[in-house]
Amino acid sequence: MALKLTSRDIQEIVSKLSSDKDKAREVIKKIDFYWRVCSVSWREGVKLLNTWLETDRSIGFTRYLSDKTSVLKPKEVPHSETWPFLVKILMQCASSEISSSKKRLPKSIFAKTLRIIVKRAQDDGCSGKKNLLLHVAKSLFNHVWDVLKDVPSFQSEYGVILRYLLEVTYYRFHMRKRVYSSGKKPKHRKFWSEVFRFTLTLHSLIENPPGDIPDDLRDNIISGFVGIFSHVRDEGKISRKLVECINTYLLKDGPNLGGKSLEIHQAVNHFVFRYWFATHDRSLKDSLICYAKLQVSLTRGVDDGSILLELVDVMSKELDQMSTSSTNSPEGEKCGIMTSSQFKVAELVALVFCRVCANTYKSPVTEKCARREHVVVLIKESRGGQMAMVDAAAL
C-alpha cells in the first residue's frame, strides 16, 4: 500500500534541500569540507524527493501539492508545501550544483528532478488544477534559459522543461522578450539526438512566442533558417522537423514578412524540390505540401512569381502520377475516392492554378519595354502535360 504524504514529509524534503547555501559560499575557501557536507545534503534531499515521485507515490504527492497551491492568492508568497516553492528551491539547488562543478560535470539528477517536478505540476489530469506555476513562471524561464546557454550537460532536460512551459499560454506571457530573443547557436558539434532535441525546442519557441514575434528578431530568424538549410542535405527526422519549423513560422509571422518570405524559399527550394517526389516519408511529403501552400498564399502582392512558376511544373507531374496511379489501381478501387495525401495535393493544385490565373508576370524578353503576358499563356506554351491542371481545376 502506498504511503500517504504528510506535511512532515514535505518539511523533511524542504529541510534537506534548504541547506545553508549562503553560509556555505562564504566559508567554502576556508572549509572545503563544509561545502561537501552541504552538497551531500542537497543530493540527499533530491533523492528523498524522487522517492515520492515514483509511480506508487506520485499521485498522492501531486494532489497534495496541487491542492495546497491552488488556494494561493495572486500576490501571496508561496509557502513550503506548494509547487512554486519546491520549484524555486530546486532551481537554487541546480544553480549551486553548477557553480560547484567547475572541474566536473554537474550531477544530472538535479536537472532530471526539476523536469519531473515541472511536469507533475502541469499534470491537471491527475490534480484537476491548472497554471500552478504562475508564481514562479518568470524566474523559471530566466533560470532555464541561463542554464541552456551555459551548461551543455543540462540542455536535454532543460529543453524539455522549456517546451513544457511554452505549451501553457499563461506561462509564456511571463517570459521576457529579452529572454525569448537571446538565443545563441550551440558552440560545439552535437550528437544527432541532441540536434533533434534542439530542433524540437526551436519549433516550440516559434510556435509559442510571448505575444507577437518581435520586429527586431525577424531578420535573425530568417537568416537563421537560411543558414540552417545551407547545411541540410538529407531527409530524416531533423529535416522534417525543420520544415515544420518553417511552416509554423510562415503561419505565425508570414503576413508580416512581405518579400522576405522569398529569402526563405531561396534557401529551402533545393531541398523541397529534391525530395518532393523522392521521399517515401509521408509526413515529410505532407510538410512539403503545407510549405508550398503557405508560400503560394504569401505571394499575393509580391511581384516575383518564381514560386508559382516552379510549382506549375511540379503540380503537372503530381497530376500525371495521380492519373497513372488511378489507371493501375485494381478495378474495385476505382471509386473516385482520394486518399488524404491526394486530397492535399489537389488542394495545392487548385490554389496554384487560381494564383497564376489571378496574376500576370513579366516574360523574359529583350525589348526596351517589357511585354506582360498572362501566366496561363506561359503554361500553355510549356509541355502539354501541364494543361491537366486546367482540367483538374474545372472538375
Foldseek 3Di string as FASTA:
>chain_A
DFDADDPVLLVQLVVLLPDPVVVCVVCCVPCVVVVVVNLVSNVVSLVSVVVCCDDRRNLNLLQQQLVQLVPDDPPDDDDSSHLQNVLVSLLVSQVSQVVVAPPHARDQSSLQSSLSSLVSNQPCVRRVDHPSNLVCLLVLLVSLLVCCVPHVVSVLSSLSSLLSQLVDLSSQLSHDLVSLQPDDDDPDDDDPVSLLSVLVSLLSSLLRHNPANDPVRVVVVLVVLLVVLVPDDDDDSSVLSSLVSVLSNCVRCVVVCQPSVVSNCVSCVVVLVVCCPVDPDVSSNVSSLSSLVSVLVSCVVPQDPPSLVVVLVVLLVVVVVVVVVLVPDPPVVNPPDDDPSVVSSLVSLLSSVVSQQVDWHFDDDDDPDTDIDRVVVVQVPDDPSSCVSVVSNVD
